[in-house]
């Protein structure tokens, strides 16, 4: 291979390494959960949620809490 091809391959390899690093960083970020969402999940797992008999009852509850 000539010098030009080697330089091109090195550039492509470096770009590939950068892309792989960015993908790893993005993947790590995607698996983080916001603390407030984690609390909601814990409450749901414990069964701390409210059951409504109708849509109207739910709407009244929502309107009353605002």
N, C-alpha and C. Protein backbone atom coordinates (compact mmCIF):
# COMPACT_ATOMS: atom_id res chain seq x y z
N UNK A 1 0.84 -1.17 0.00
CA UNK A 1 0.00 0.00 0.00
C UNK A 1 0.88 1.24 0.00
N UNK A 2 0.36 2.26 -0.64
CA UNK A 2 1.10 3.50 -0.68
C UNK A 2 0.86 4.35 0.55
N UNK A 3 1.64 5.41 0.65
CA UNK A 3 1.54 6.31 1.80
C UNK A 3 0.16 6.95 1.89
N UNK A 4 -0.40 7.30 0.75
CA UNK A 4 -1.71 7.95 0.72
C UNK A 4 -2.79 7.02 1.27
N UNK A 5 -2.72 5.74 0.88
CA UNK A 5 -3.70 4.77 1.38
C UNK A 5 -3.56 4.57 2.89
N UNK A 6 -2.31 4.53 3.38
CA UNK A 6 -2.07 4.37 4.82
C UNK A 6 -2.65 5.54 5.61
N UNK A 7 -2.44 6.75 5.10
CA UNK A 7 -2.97 7.94 5.77
C UNK A 7 -4.50 7.88 5.79
N UNK A 8 -5.09 7.49 4.67
CA UNK A 8 -6.55 7.39 4.59
C UNK A 8 -7.07 6.34 5.57
N UNK A 9 -6.42 5.19 5.63
CA UNK A 9 -6.85 4.13 6.55
C UNK A 9 -6.72 4.59 8.00
N UNK A 10 -5.64 5.30 8.32
CA UNK A 10 -5.46 5.81 9.67
C UNK A 10 -6.58 6.79 10.04
N UNK A 11 -6.94 7.65 9.10
CA UNK A 11 -8.00 8.62 9.34
C UNK A 11 -9.33 7.91 9.59
N UNK A 12 -9.61 6.91 8.76
CA UNK A 12 -10.86 6.16 8.90
C UNK A 12 -10.88 5.43 10.25
N UNK A 13 -9.74 4.83 10.62
CA UNK A 13 -9.65 4.11 11.89
C UNK A 13 -9.87 5.05 13.07
N UNK A 14 -9.28 6.23 13.03
CA UNK A 14 -9.45 7.21 14.11
C UNK A 14 -10.90 7.67 14.20
N UNK A 15 -11.52 7.89 13.05
CA UNK A 15 -12.93 8.30 13.05
C UNK A 15 -13.80 7.19 13.63
N UNK A 16 -13.50 5.96 13.27
CA UNK A 16 -14.25 4.81 13.79
C UNK A 16 -14.10 4.73 15.31
N UNK A 17 -12.90 4.93 15.82
CA UNK A 17 -12.68 4.92 17.26
C UNK A 17 -13.49 6.02 17.94
N UNK A 18 -13.50 7.21 17.35
CA UNK A 18 -14.27 8.32 17.92
C UNK A 18 -15.76 8.01 17.94
N UNK A 19 -16.26 7.43 16.85
CA UNK A 19 -17.68 7.07 16.77
C UNK A 19 -18.02 6.03 17.84
N UNK A 20 -17.16 5.01 17.99
CA UNK A 20 -17.41 3.98 18.99
C UNK A 20 -17.44 4.57 20.40
N UNK A 21 -16.53 5.51 20.68
CA UNK A 21 -16.49 6.15 21.99
C UNK A 21 -17.76 6.95 22.23
N UNK A 22 -18.21 7.70 21.23
CA UNK A 22 -19.43 8.50 21.37
C UNK A 22 -20.65 7.60 21.57
N UNK A 23 -20.71 6.49 20.86
CA UNK A 23 -21.83 5.56 21.00
C UNK A 23 -21.85 5.00 22.42
N UNK A 24 -20.68 4.65 22.97
CA UNK A 24 -20.61 4.15 24.35
C UNK A 24 -21.11 5.21 25.34
N UNK A 25 -20.68 6.46 25.14
CA UNK A 25 -21.10 7.54 26.04
C UNK A 25 -22.61 7.76 25.96
N UNK A 26 -23.15 7.74 24.75
CA UNK A 26 -24.59 7.92 24.58
C UNK A 26 -25.34 6.76 25.22
N UNK A 27 -24.83 5.56 25.03
CA UNK A 27 -25.47 4.38 25.61
C UNK A 27 -25.49 4.47 27.13
N UNK A 28 -24.39 4.93 27.71
CA UNK A 28 -24.33 5.09 29.17
C UNK A 28 -25.36 6.11 29.63
N UNK A 29 -25.50 7.21 28.90
CA UNK A 29 -26.46 8.25 29.27
C UNK A 29 -27.89 7.75 29.17
N UNK A 30 -28.17 6.91 28.19
CA UNK A 30 -29.53 6.43 27.99
C UNK A 30 -30.00 5.54 29.13
N UNK A 31 -29.07 4.90 29.81
CA UNK A 31 -29.45 3.97 30.86
C UNK A 31 -29.57 4.64 32.23
N UNK A 32 -29.34 5.94 32.28
CA UNK A 32 -29.52 6.66 33.54
C UNK A 32 -30.99 7.07 33.67
N UNK A 33 -31.50 6.96 34.88
CA UNK A 33 -32.89 7.30 35.14
C UNK A 33 -32.91 8.53 36.04
N UNK A 34 -33.75 9.49 35.68
CA UNK A 34 -33.90 10.68 36.52
C UNK A 34 -34.41 10.27 37.89
N UNK A 35 -33.91 10.90 38.96
CA UNK A 35 -34.34 10.52 40.33
C UNK A 35 -35.85 10.61 40.53
N UNK A 36 -36.49 11.64 39.98
CA UNK A 36 -37.94 11.77 40.18
C UNK A 36 -38.70 10.64 39.49
N UNK A 37 -38.18 10.15 38.37
CA UNK A 37 -38.82 9.03 37.69
C UNK A 37 -38.60 7.74 38.48
N UNK A 38 -37.42 7.59 39.07
CA UNK A 38 -37.14 6.41 39.89
C UNK A 38 -38.09 6.35 41.07
N UNK A 39 -38.40 7.50 41.67
CA UNK A 39 -39.36 7.54 42.78
C UNK A 39 -40.74 7.10 42.33
N UNK A 40 -41.16 7.55 41.16
CA UNK A 40 -42.47 7.14 40.63
C UNK A 40 -42.51 5.63 40.40
N UNK A 41 -41.40 5.08 39.90
CA UNK A 41 -41.34 3.64 39.68
C UNK A 41 -41.44 2.88 41.00
N UNK A 42 -40.75 3.37 42.02
CA UNK A 42 -40.81 2.72 43.34
C UNK A 42 -42.23 2.73 43.89
N UNK A 43 -42.92 3.86 43.75
CA UNK A 43 -44.29 3.95 44.23
C UNK A 43 -45.20 2.98 43.49
N UNK A 44 -45.00 2.88 42.18
CA UNK A 44 -45.82 1.96 41.39
C UNK A 44 -45.55 0.52 41.79
N UNK A 45 -44.27 0.18 42.06
CA UNK A 45 -43.94 -1.17 42.47
C UNK A 45 -44.55 -1.51 43.83
N UNK A 46 -44.61 -0.52 44.72
CA UNK A 46 -45.18 -0.73 46.05
C UNK A 46 -46.71 -0.74 46.01
N UNK A 47 -47.26 -0.35 44.90
CA UNK A 47 -48.71 -0.30 44.79
C UNK A 47 -49.30 1.00 45.28
N UNK A 48 -48.48 2.03 45.40
CA UNK A 48 -48.97 3.33 45.86
C UNK A 48 -49.46 4.13 44.66
N UNK A 49 -50.66 3.83 44.27
CA UNK A 49 -51.28 4.56 43.17
C UNK A 49 -52.76 4.67 43.47
N UNK A 50 -53.41 5.46 42.73
CA UNK A 50 -54.83 5.73 43.01
C UNK A 50 -55.69 5.09 41.92
N UNK A 51 -56.77 4.47 42.35
CA UNK A 51 -57.71 3.84 41.43
C UNK A 51 -58.96 4.72 41.37
N UNK A 52 -59.44 4.96 40.17
CA UNK A 52 -60.64 5.78 39.97
C UNK A 52 -61.74 4.90 39.39
N UNK A 53 -62.96 5.20 39.79
CA UNK A 53 -64.11 4.44 39.29
C UNK A 53 -64.55 4.93 37.92
N UNK A 54 -64.20 6.18 37.61
CA UNK A 54 -64.62 6.73 36.32
C UNK A 54 -63.64 7.82 35.89
N UNK A 55 -63.74 8.19 34.64
CA UNK A 55 -62.94 9.28 34.09
C UNK A 55 -63.28 10.58 34.81
N UNK A 56 -64.56 10.76 35.10
CA UNK A 56 -65.00 11.98 35.77
C UNK A 56 -64.36 12.11 37.15
N UNK A 57 -64.31 11.01 37.87
CA UNK A 57 -63.69 11.02 39.20
C UNK A 57 -62.20 11.38 39.09
N UNK A 58 -61.55 10.83 38.09
CA UNK A 58 -60.14 11.13 37.87
C UNK A 58 -59.96 12.61 37.53
N UNK A 59 -60.81 13.14 36.66
CA UNK A 59 -60.72 14.55 36.28
C UNK A 59 -60.92 15.45 37.49
N UNK A 60 -61.88 15.11 38.36
CA UNK A 60 -62.12 15.91 39.57
C UNK A 60 -60.88 15.90 40.46
N UNK A 61 -60.27 14.74 40.58
CA UNK A 61 -59.07 14.63 41.40
C UNK A 61 -57.93 15.49 40.82
N UNK A 62 -57.76 15.42 39.51
CA UNK A 62 -56.70 16.19 38.85
C UNK A 62 -56.97 17.68 39.00
N UNK A 63 -58.20 18.10 38.75
CA UNK A 63 -58.55 19.52 38.85
C UNK A 63 -58.41 20.02 40.28
N UNK A 64 -58.69 19.18 41.24
CA UNK A 64 -58.59 19.58 42.64
C UNK A 64 -57.16 19.70 43.13
N UNK A 65 -56.24 18.99 42.48
CA UNK A 65 -54.85 19.01 42.94
C UNK A 65 -54.03 20.10 42.27
N UNK A 66 -54.59 20.80 41.30
CA UNK A 66 -53.84 21.85 40.60
C UNK A 66 -53.93 23.18 41.29
